[in-house]
């Protein structure tokens, strides 16, 4: 089940919302209900891997109790060492589960090449949301070790923190220090519920009315034989995918935040108009914020951050972006994508950022081009054909012949979605804020409520007609 499926919209969400409200102000009953609903939500699409999720919840609950108990016994010999050992064991268990399902075959492919062997691939399906709830669990253990909060003693609350259906499949990566207090006490008001519905409506429209339509054209172009793809087609696919992945992922993040509000939670924001960035550094402060901040706090800073000299800083940044690429996928293309972004992050640190500050509007062109070329690696997810597509983008005049005309692959509806996507990525919002301040009255008005209802109706109509496709980030 997905939060943008008809089953979720017409059955699961209304039932969960109604039952939650029947619990009135009994927070424990609400948490039990939401945990059961979340486990049902996960088991619907992953009936086998529900056991993996339960094992992860139990393991992290146990490691948390162990670390908390050791922190109360500072008088015993080597207490700090035992705490570190418990934390290390917890991290290794989490990374072990993630590594087995996500990287086992990747490791075998490397061994086959190095040793000239033919180890048989497992072809393990990746459990939905594994990277998201695993990173959430690691942050819980690390911050507990850092004494930012006491160990969670209620297994229901621990389970809900890790499995809440609003965020488990596509994030954002929530931290216990943000959600822990809300598990114990939160408010559900009419205003917050209305804001949640509003946010969910916009997120659903982003996904269904923009990302899905753009994605259909992208799939058609990349589905062509390589010899039949012109330079113009590759540029078109790259630009459309740039819009598709933003509206897909930010749409799901909006839906998650909206669902959280509907049930009284405040989830972290994950996007802030990343395509308005004037540098790659700024882009990563605005794109997938929960992941970039996670790597900053739990990898970059522990490695030494920028406190150990320039060369060490550059090395730390390289490690972070290598890990970022690996987090997204176990292929050489994702590793190159991560290192590609890391290269420009380091270059900006060395001095490119000062140059960008002097070139005005060109810095946005630079950032946009780097991001677009990077998305080609990301979308193709296979290094050799991805580099061939990039070659056609760099030398479009050498690739002009095709048996298919570009208009045959790009519908009028896709063109309209692309125009709306460009305007909606922050340009229209910034213009309205500057030239039409009265637009603020729109938020929460009756007119906006009607508009949101129309967006939901249009989205559901397209879903009924079979245009549903899962989130791009569903298997990351």
Protein backbone atom coordinates (compact mmCIF):
# COMPACT_ATOMS: atom_id res chain seq x y z
CA UNK A 1 0.00 0.00 0.00
CA UNK A 2 1.15 3.52 -0.72
CA UNK A 3 -0.11 6.84 0.65
CA UNK A 4 -1.09 7.86 -2.88
CA UNK A 5 -3.07 4.72 -3.73
CA UNK A 6 -6.83 4.55 -4.05
CA UNK A 7 -7.00 1.92 -1.30
CA UNK A 8 -5.25 4.27 1.09
CA UNK A 9 -7.29 7.31 0.10
CA UNK A 10 -10.72 5.68 0.14
CA UNK A 11 -10.43 3.08 2.90
CA UNK A 12 -7.32 3.06 5.07
CA UNK A 13 -7.01 6.79 5.78
CA UNK A 14 -10.72 7.46 6.54
CA UNK A 15 -10.86 4.41 8.83
CA UNK A 16 -7.63 5.26 10.67
CA UNK A 17 -8.64 8.92 11.04
CA UNK A 18 -12.12 8.06 12.38
CA UNK A 19 -10.79 5.51 14.87
CA UNK A 20 -8.12 7.93 16.03
CA UNK A 21 -10.74 10.57 16.77
CA UNK A 22 -12.86 8.04 18.67
CA UNK A 23 -9.99 7.64 21.14
CA UNK A 24 -10.66 11.28 22.14
CA UNK A 25 -7.73 12.35 24.34
CA UNK A 26 -6.36 8.94 25.37
CA UNK A 27 -2.83 9.22 23.98
CA UNK A 28 -1.93 5.63 24.82
CA UNK A 29 -4.94 4.27 22.97
CA UNK A 30 -4.14 6.52 20.01
CA UNK A 31 -0.57 5.23 19.88
CA UNK A 32 -1.68 1.59 20.02
CA UNK A 33 -4.19 2.25 17.25
CA UNK A 34 -1.65 4.06 15.05
CA UNK A 35 0.96 1.36 15.60
CA UNK A 36 -1.48 -1.40 14.62
CA UNK A 37 -2.61 0.65 11.62
CA UNK A 38 1.01 1.24 10.61
CA UNK A 39 1.89 -2.45 10.86
CA UNK A 40 -1.20 -3.33 8.79
CA UNK A 41 -0.22 -0.65 6.26
CA UNK A 42 3.29 -2.11 5.95
CA UNK A 43 2.17 -5.75 5.92
CA UNK A 44 -0.31 -5.05 3.10
CA UNK A 45 2.52 -4.50 0.64
CA UNK A 46 5.28 -6.40 2.47
CA UNK A 47 3.63 -9.43 4.20
CA UNK A 48 6.96 -11.21 4.68
CA UNK A 49 9.07 -8.21 5.63
CA UNK A 50 6.73 -7.19 8.43
CA UNK A 51 8.81 -9.66 10.46
CA UNK A 52 11.96 -7.72 9.55
CA UNK A 53 10.33 -4.46 10.66
CA UNK A 54 9.22 -6.03 13.97
CA UNK A 55 12.70 -7.46 14.50
CA UNK A 56 14.23 -4.04 13.87
CA UNK A 57 11.83 -2.41 16.34
CA UNK A 58 12.57 -5.04 18.98
CA UNK A 59 16.34 -4.87 18.47
CA UNK A 60 16.53 -1.09 18.71
CA UNK A 61 14.16 -1.03 21.68
CA UNK A 62 16.44 -3.53 23.42
CA UNK A 63 19.67 -1.74 22.57
CA UNK A 64 18.11 1.51 23.75
CA UNK A 65 17.22 -0.02 27.12
CA UNK A 66 20.72 -1.47 27.42
CA UNK A 67 22.42 1.87 26.71
CA UNK A 68 20.05 3.61 29.12
CA UNK A 69 20.75 1.07 31.87
CA UNK A 70 24.50 1.38 31.40
CA UNK A 71 24.26 5.18 31.63
CA UNK A 72 22.76 4.78 35.12
CA UNK A 73 25.74 2.74 36.27
CA UNK A 74 28.56 5.18 35.75
CA UNK A 75 30.19 3.83 38.92
CA UNK A 76 30.98 0.44 37.43
CA UNK A 77 34.34 -0.17 35.84
CA UNK A 78 34.61 0.67 32.15
CA UNK A 79 31.00 1.92 32.05
CA UNK A 80 31.70 4.26 29.14
CA UNK A 81 33.36 1.48 27.18
CA UNK A 82 30.33 -0.77 27.69
CA UNK A 83 28.04 2.01 26.47
CA UNK A 84 30.17 2.42 23.34
CA UNK A 85 30.10 -1.33 22.81
CA UNK A 86 26.30 -1.42 23.08
CA UNK A 87 25.99 1.51 20.68
CA UNK A 88 28.42 -0.08 18.22
CA UNK A 89 26.54 -3.37 18.35
CA UNK A 90 23.23 -1.58 17.72
CA UNK A 91 24.63 0.34 14.75
CA UNK A 92 26.16 -2.85 13.30
CA UNK A 93 22.87 -4.72 13.60
CA UNK A 94 21.04 -1.93 11.78
CA UNK A 95 23.70 -1.60 9.09
CA UNK A 96 23.84 -5.39 8.81
CA UNK A 97 20.15 -5.60 7.95
CA UNK A 98 20.46 -2.71 5.51
CA UNK A 99 23.62 -4.11 3.98
CA UNK A 100 22.26 -7.62 3.49
CA UNK A 101 19.13 -6.59 1.63
CA UNK A 102 20.50 -3.60 -0.22
CA UNK A 103 24.16 -4.34 -0.92
CA UNK A 104 24.67 -8.12 -0.83
CA UNK A 105 24.41 -8.59 -4.59
CA UNK A 106 26.46 -5.43 -5.16
CA UNK A 107 29.26 -6.93 -3.09
CA UNK A 108 29.02 -10.23 -4.96
CA UNK A 109 29.32 -8.44 -8.30
CA UNK A 110 32.49 -6.74 -7.11
CA UNK A 111 33.92 -10.06 -5.89
CA UNK A 112 33.06 -11.72 -9.20
CA UNK A 113 35.00 -9.07 -11.08
CA UNK A 114 37.99 -9.10 -8.73
CA UNK A 115 38.27 -12.88 -8.42
CA UNK A 116 36.97 -13.90 -11.82
CA UNK A 117 34.31 -16.03 -10.12
CA UNK A 118 30.60 -16.40 -10.77
CA UNK A 119 28.94 -16.27 -7.36
CA UNK A 120 25.20 -16.59 -7.80
CA UNK A 121 23.19 -13.42 -7.15
CA UNK A 122 20.46 -13.54 -4.50
CA UNK A 123 18.30 -10.91 -6.25
CA UNK A 124 16.86 -9.91 -2.90
CA UNK A 125 13.85 -7.57 -3.09
CA UNK A 126 14.47 -4.45 -1.03
CA UNK A 127 12.00 -4.08 1.87
CA UNK A 128 10.02 -0.86 1.52
CA UNK A 129 11.34 1.98 3.63
CA UNK A 130 14.33 -0.01 4.94
CA UNK A 131 16.82 2.84 4.49
CA UNK A 132 14.46 5.35 6.09
CA UNK A 133 13.52 3.45 9.26
CA UNK A 134 17.08 2.11 9.66
CA UNK A 135 18.57 5.60 9.61
CA UNK A 136 15.88 6.72 12.05
CA UNK A 137 16.82 3.87 14.38
CA UNK A 138 20.55 4.68 14.22
CA UNK A 139 19.90 8.33 15.03
CA UNK A 140 17.81 7.19 18.04
CA UNK A 141 20.67 5.09 19.44
CA UNK A 142 23.38 7.69 18.77
CA UNK A 143 21.46 10.57 20.35
CA UNK A 144 20.52 8.35 23.29
CA UNK A 145 24.22 7.59 23.77
CA UNK A 146 24.86 11.35 23.62
CA UNK A 147 22.33 11.74 26.51
CA UNK A 148 19.93 13.94 24.58
CA UNK A 149 16.97 12.03 26.02
CA UNK A 150 16.31 8.95 28.19
CA UNK A 151 15.73 5.52 26.68
CA UNK A 152 12.23 4.86 25.38
CA UNK A 153 10.69 2.34 27.78
CA UNK A 154 7.32 1.95 26.06
CA UNK A 155 7.59 -0.60 23.20
CA UNK A 156 4.42 0.78 21.58
CA UNK A 157 5.91 4.27 21.35
CA UNK A 158 9.17 2.87 20.02
CA UNK A 159 7.28 0.89 17.41
CA UNK A 160 5.22 3.89 16.36
CA UNK A 161 8.33 6.06 16.09
CA UNK A 162 9.87 3.60 13.64
CA UNK A 163 6.76 2.41 11.78
CA UNK A 164 4.38 5.39 11.54
CA UNK A 165 2.68 4.87 8.17
CA UNK A 166 2.94 8.53 7.15
CA UNK A 167 6.73 8.38 6.87
CA UNK A 168 7.88 4.77 6.76
CA UNK A 169 7.87 4.25 3.00
CA UNK A 170 9.39 7.47 1.60
CA UNK A 171 10.45 9.46 4.67
CA UNK A 172 11.29 12.05 5.78
CA UNK A 173 13.89 10.56 8.13
CA UNK A 174 12.38 11.61 11.46
CA UNK A 175 14.50 11.76 14.60
CA UNK A 176 13.37 10.59 18.01
CA UNK A 177 14.43 13.86 19.60
CA UNK A 178 11.76 15.55 17.44
CA UNK A 179 9.03 12.90 17.77
CA UNK A 180 9.69 11.46 21.24
CA UNK A 181 7.83 14.21 23.08
CA UNK A 182 4.96 14.08 20.60
CA UNK A 183 4.54 10.36 21.28
CA UNK A 184 3.81 11.25 24.90
CA UNK A 185 1.67 14.34 24.32
CA UNK A 186 0.33 16.01 21.21
CA UNK A 187 -2.67 18.07 20.25
CA UNK A 188 -5.18 17.39 17.50
CA UNK A 189 -7.02 20.59 16.63
CA UNK A 190 -9.37 21.50 13.83
CA UNK A 191 -6.85 24.05 12.57
CA UNK A 192 -4.00 21.54 12.49
CA UNK A 193 -6.22 18.95 10.81
CA UNK A 194 -7.28 21.47 8.16
CA UNK A 195 -3.65 22.42 7.54
CA UNK A 196 -2.79 18.72 7.27
CA UNK A 197 -5.52 18.09 4.70
CA UNK A 198 -4.38 21.16 2.75
CA UNK A 199 -0.76 20.01 2.75
CA UNK A 200 -1.72 16.45 1.81
CA UNK A 201 -3.85 17.71 -1.08
CA UNK A 202 -0.97 19.70 -2.58
CA UNK A 203 1.41 16.77 -2.14
CA UNK A 204 -1.01 14.36 -3.82
CA UNK A 205 -1.45 16.77 -6.74
CA UNK A 206 2.32 17.16 -7.09
CA UNK A 207 2.69 13.42 -7.39
CA UNK A 208 -0.31 12.52 -9.55
CA UNK A 209 -0.95 15.62 -11.67
CA UNK A 210 2.68 16.54 -12.31
CA UNK A 211 5.22 13.81 -11.50
CA UNK A 212 3.22 10.93 -12.98
CA UNK A 213 2.46 12.79 -16.21
CA UNK A 214 6.05 13.96 -16.61
CA UNK A 215 7.32 10.49 -15.80
CA UNK A 216 5.28 8.90 -18.59
CA UNK A 217 7.14 11.00 -21.17
CA UNK A 218 10.51 10.38 -19.52
CA UNK A 219 9.91 6.62 -19.62
CA UNK A 220 9.02 6.78 -23.33
CA UNK A 221 12.25 8.56 -24.23
CA UNK A 222 14.52 6.39 -22.12
CA UNK A 223 12.65 3.36 -23.44
CA UNK A 224 13.85 4.06 -26.97
CA UNK A 225 16.82 2.12 -28.37
CA UNK A 226 20.00 4.11 -27.83
CA UNK A 227 20.59 4.50 -31.58
CA UNK A 228 17.15 6.07 -31.93
CA UNK A 229 17.66 8.78 -29.28
CA UNK A 230 18.69 12.24 -30.44
CA UNK A 231 20.49 14.87 -28.43
CA UNK A 232 17.27 16.91 -28.21
CA UNK A 233 15.41 13.89 -26.83
CA UNK A 234 18.01 13.31 -24.12
CA UNK A 235 17.89 16.98 -23.09
CA UNK A 236 14.12 16.81 -22.99
CA UNK A 237 14.15 13.64 -20.88
CA UNK A 238 16.77 15.07 -18.52
CA UNK A 239 14.86 18.31 -17.93
CA UNK A 240 11.53 16.53 -17.52
CA UNK A 241 13.05 14.05 -15.08
CA UNK A 242 14.52 16.95 -13.12
CA UNK A 243 10.96 18.18 -12.61
CA UNK A 244 9.54 14.68 -12.13
CA UNK A 245 11.83 13.65 -9.30
CA UNK A 246 11.29 16.94 -7.46
CA UNK A 247 7.49 16.77 -7.64
CA UNK A 248 7.49 13.05 -6.91
CA UNK A 249 9.67 13.19 -3.82
CA UNK A 250 8.56 16.56 -2.47
CA UNK A 251 4.97 15.52 -3.13
CA UNK A 252 5.37 12.45 -0.93
CA UNK A 253 7.13 14.56 1.71
CA UNK A 254 4.20 17.02 1.68
CA UNK A 255 1.76 14.14 2.02
CA UNK A 256 3.76 12.75 4.96
CA UNK A 257 3.85 16.14 6.72
CA UNK A 258 0.13 16.59 6.06
CA UNK A 259 -0.75 13.15 7.41
CA UNK A 260 1.36 13.85 10.47
CA UNK A 261 -0.59 17.03 11.18
CA UNK A 262 -3.90 15.21 10.74
CA UNK A 263 -2.88 12.84 13.55
CA UNK A 264 -1.30 15.54 15.74
CA UNK A 265 2.37 15.12 14.74
CA UNK A 266 4.81 17.70 13.40
CA UNK A 267 7.20 15.98 10.97
CA UNK A 268 10.32 17.69 9.70
CA UNK A 269 10.36 19.52 6.37
CA UNK A 270 12.31 17.83 3.60
CA UNK A 271 12.45 20.42 0.78
CA UNK A 272 12.81 24.16 0.40
CA UNK A 273 12.68 25.05 -3.30
CA UNK A 274 16.03 23.35 -4.12
CA UNK A 275 16.01 24.40 -7.79
CA UNK A 276 16.36 28.04 -6.75
CA UNK A 277 19.84 27.28 -5.38
CA UNK A 278 22.86 29.27 -6.52
CA UNK A 279 25.41 26.58 -5.63
CA UNK A 280 25.60 22.84 -5.02
CA UNK A 281 26.20 23.54 -1.33
CA UNK A 282 22.94 25.45 -1.21
CA UNK A 283 21.18 22.75 -3.22
CA UNK A 284 21.99 20.15 -0.56
CA UNK A 285 20.74 22.47 2.17
CA UNK A 286 17.40 22.56 0.35
CA UNK A 287 17.10 19.04 -1.14
CA UNK A 288 16.20 15.96 0.95
CA UNK A 289 16.97 17.98 4.07
CA UNK A 290 16.40 15.10 6.50
CA UNK A 291 19.03 12.96 4.74
CA UNK A 292 21.66 15.68 4.23
CA UNK A 293 21.32 16.79 7.87
CA UNK A 294 21.53 13.13 8.97
CA UNK A 295 24.84 12.65 7.17
CA UNK A 296 26.08 15.96 8.57
CA UNK A 297 25.27 15.06 12.19
CA UNK A 298 26.07 11.34 12.21
CA UNK A 299 28.91 11.02 9.69
CA UNK A 300 30.52 14.33 8.69
CA UNK A 301 30.85 15.82 12.20
CA UNK A 302 31.96 12.53 13.85
CA UNK A 303 34.65 12.23 11.13
CA UNK A 304 35.94 15.61 12.24
CA UNK A 305 33.88 17.94 10.06
CA UNK A 306 35.93 21.00 9.17
CA UNK A 307 37.84 21.06 12.46
CA UNK A 308 40.96 19.19 11.35
CA UNK A 309 42.31 21.24 8.48
CA UNK A 310 41.40 21.71 4.85
CA UNK A 311 42.59 18.39 3.47
CA UNK A 312 40.73 16.46 6.17
CA UNK A 313 37.62 18.55 5.49
CA UNK A 314 37.74 17.68 1.79
CA UNK A 315 38.26 14.01 2.60
CA UNK A 316 35.31 14.04 5.00
CA UNK A 317 33.09 15.66 2.37
CA UNK A 318 34.19 13.04 -0.15
CA UNK A 319 33.28 10.23 2.25
CA UNK A 320 29.89 11.80 2.97
CA UNK A 321 28.95 12.10 -0.68
CA UNK A 322 30.26 8.64 -1.48
CA UNK A 323 27.96 7.38 1.30
CA UNK A 324 25.13 9.54 -0.07
CA UNK A 325 25.46 7.90 -3.46
CA UNK A 326 25.64 4.44 -1.88
CA UNK A 327 22.54 5.16 0.24
CA UNK A 328 20.55 5.83 -2.91
CA UNK A 329 21.50 2.65 -4.71
CA UNK A 330 23.95 -0.22 -4.99
CA UNK A 331 25.27 0.51 -8.48
CA UNK A 332 28.34 2.25 -9.83
CA UNK A 333 26.08 4.94 -11.34
CA UNK A 334 24.85 6.00 -7.90
CA UNK A 335 28.38 6.03 -6.53
CA UNK A 336 29.50 8.25 -9.42
CA UNK A 337 26.44 10.46 -8.87
CA UNK A 338 27.40 10.94 -5.23
CA UNK A 339 31.06 11.63 -6.06
CA UNK A 340 29.96 13.99 -8.86
CA UNK A 341 28.10 16.16 -6.36
CA UNK A 342 30.90 15.77 -3.84
CA UNK A 343 33.44 17.04 -6.36
CA UNK A 344 31.56 20.31 -6.86
CA UNK A 345 30.91 20.67 -3.11
CA UNK A 346 34.68 20.45 -2.54
CA UNK A 347 35.43 22.75 -5.50
CA UNK A 348 33.08 25.36 -4.04
CA UNK A 349 34.86 25.02 -0.69
CA UNK A 350 38.24 25.53 -2.34
CA UNK A 351 37.23 28.76 -4.05
CA UNK A 352 34.58 28.22 -6.71
CA UNK A 353 31.91 29.58 -4.35
CA UNK A 354 33.60 33.02 -4.35
CA UNK A 355 33.62 33.02 -8.14
CA UNK A 356 29.91 32.09 -8.22
CA UNK A 357 29.05 35.00 -5.95
CA UNK A 358 30.48 37.39 -8.54
CA UNK A 359 28.73 36.04 -11.64
CA UNK A 360 25.16 36.89 -10.70
CA UNK A 361 22.48 34.90 -12.49
CA UNK A 362 25.04 32.53 -14.05
CA UNK A 363 25.47 30.77 -10.71
CA UNK A 364 21.91 29.47 -11.03
CA UNK A 365 22.68 28.21 -14.54
CA UNK A 366 25.79 26.46 -13.23
CA UNK A 367 23.87 24.82 -10.39
CA UNK A 368 21.02 23.78 -12.66
CA UNK A 369 23.35 22.16 -15.20
CA UNK A 370 25.22 20.19 -12.53
CA UNK A 371 21.94 18.95 -11.05
CA UNK A 372 20.46 18.03 -14.45
CA UNK A 373 23.53 16.07 -15.57
CA UNK A 374 23.57 14.35 -12.19
CA UNK A 375 19.94 13.30 -12.58
CA UNK A 376 20.82 11.48 -15.82
CA UNK A 377 23.16 9.23 -13.82
CA UNK A 378 20.49 8.87 -11.17
CA UNK A 379 17.63 8.03 -13.55
CA UNK A 380 19.50 5.57 -15.77
CA UNK A 381 21.18 3.94 -12.73
CA UNK A 382 23.66 2.19 -15.04
CA UNK A 383 26.95 3.93 -15.65
CA UNK A 384 27.76 3.02 -19.24
CA UNK A 385 24.43 3.98 -20.86
CA UNK A 386 24.19 7.03 -18.60
CA UNK A 387 27.53 8.29 -19.89
CA UNK A 388 26.33 7.67 -23.45
CA UNK A 389 23.24 9.82 -22.80
CA UNK A 390 25.43 12.56 -21.32
CA UNK A 391 27.65 12.40 -24.39
CA UNK A 392 24.58 13.06 -26.55
CA UNK A 393 23.68 16.02 -24.36
CA UNK A 394 27.17 17.51 -24.71
CA UNK A 395 27.32 16.90 -28.50
CA UNK A 396 23.66 17.13 -29.59
CA UNK A 397 24.54 18.13 -33.15
CA UNK A 398 26.13 14.71 -33.70
CA UNK A 399 22.89 12.92 -32.83
CA UNK A 400 19.98 14.26 -34.85
CA UNK A 401 18.51 11.24 -36.63
CA UNK A 402 15.64 9.18 -35.26
CA UNK A 403 12.67 7.24 -36.56
CA UNK A 404 10.51 8.89 -33.91
CA UNK A 405 9.76 12.61 -33.66
CA UNK A 406 10.00 14.21 -30.23
CA UNK A 407 6.34 15.42 -30.32
CA UNK A 408 5.28 11.77 -30.63
CA UNK A 409 6.91 11.06 -27.27
CA UNK A 410 5.82 14.22 -25.48
CA UNK A 411 2.09 14.81 -25.21
CA UNK A 412 0.42 18.20 -24.86
CA UNK A 413 -0.56 17.23 -21.34
CA UNK A 414 3.10 16.60 -20.53
CA UNK A 415 4.05 20.01 -21.97
CA UNK A 416 1.44 21.71 -19.76
CA UNK A 417 2.68 19.77 -16.73
CA UNK A 418 6.24 20.88 -17.52
CA UNK A 419 5.23 24.55 -17.69
CA UNK A 420 3.32 24.22 -14.41
CA UNK A 421 6.31 22.40 -12.91
CA UNK A 422 8.77 25.14 -13.82
CA UNK A 423 6.51 27.84 -12.41
CA UNK A 424 5.73 25.85 -9.28
CA UNK A 425 9.30 25.02 -8.26
CA UNK A 426 9.52 28.37 -6.46
CA UNK A 427 9.37 30.94 -9.25
CA UNK A 428 5.64 31.61 -9.02
CA UNK A 429 5.66 31.56 -5.22
CA UNK A 430 8.49 34.11 -5.06
CA UNK A 431 6.80 36.37 -7.62
CA UNK A 432 3.49 36.32 -5.77
CA UNK A 433 5.17 37.09 -2.45
CA UNK A 434 6.95 40.07 -3.97
CA UNK A 435 4.33 41.57 -6.27
CA UNK A 436 1.09 40.41 -4.70
CA UNK A 437 1.36 40.40 -0.88
CA UNK A 438 -2.40 39.92 -0.57
CA UNK A 439 -1.90 36.32 -1.74
CA UNK A 440 -1.25 35.46 1.91
CA UNK A 441 -5.00 35.77 2.47
CA UNK A 442 -5.44 32.82 0.11
CA UNK A 443 -3.93 30.36 2.60
CA UNK A 444 -6.69 28.79 4.64
CA UNK A 445 -9.45 30.62 2.79
CA UNK A 446 -12.66 29.06 1.49
CA UNK A 447 -11.36 29.50 -2.07
CA UNK A 448 -8.24 27.49 -1.26
CA UNK A 449 -10.33 24.78 0.34
CA UNK A 450 -12.37 24.45 -2.85
CA UNK A 451 -9.14 24.43 -4.88
CA UNK A 452 -7.71 21.62 -2.72
CA UNK A 453 -10.89 19.59 -3.17
CA UNK A 454 -10.58 19.99 -6.94
CA UNK A 455 -6.93 18.86 -6.81
CA UNK A 456 -7.85 15.76 -4.83
CA UNK A 457 -10.76 14.97 -7.16
CA UNK A 458 -8.58 15.36 -10.26
CA UNK A 459 -5.85 13.24 -8.70
CA UNK A 460 -8.24 10.45 -7.76
CA UNK A 461 -9.74 10.52 -11.25
CA UNK A 462 -6.32 9.92 -12.77
CA UNK A 463 -5.56 7.20 -10.23
CA UNK A 464 -8.81 5.42 -11.07
CA UNK A 465 -7.87 5.60 -14.75
CA UNK A 466 -4.67 3.71 -14.01
CA UNK A 467 -1.99 6.40 -14.07
CA UNK A 468 -0.71 5.41 -10.61
CA UNK A 469 2.95 4.56 -10.29
CA UNK A 470 4.99 4.14 -7.10
CA UNK A 471 7.34 6.70 -5.62
CA UNK A 472 10.80 7.03 -7.15
CA UNK A 473 12.28 6.85 -3.64
CA UNK A 474 10.17 3.85 -2.59
CA UNK A 475 13.05 1.38 -2.92
CA UNK A 476 15.90 3.55 -1.65
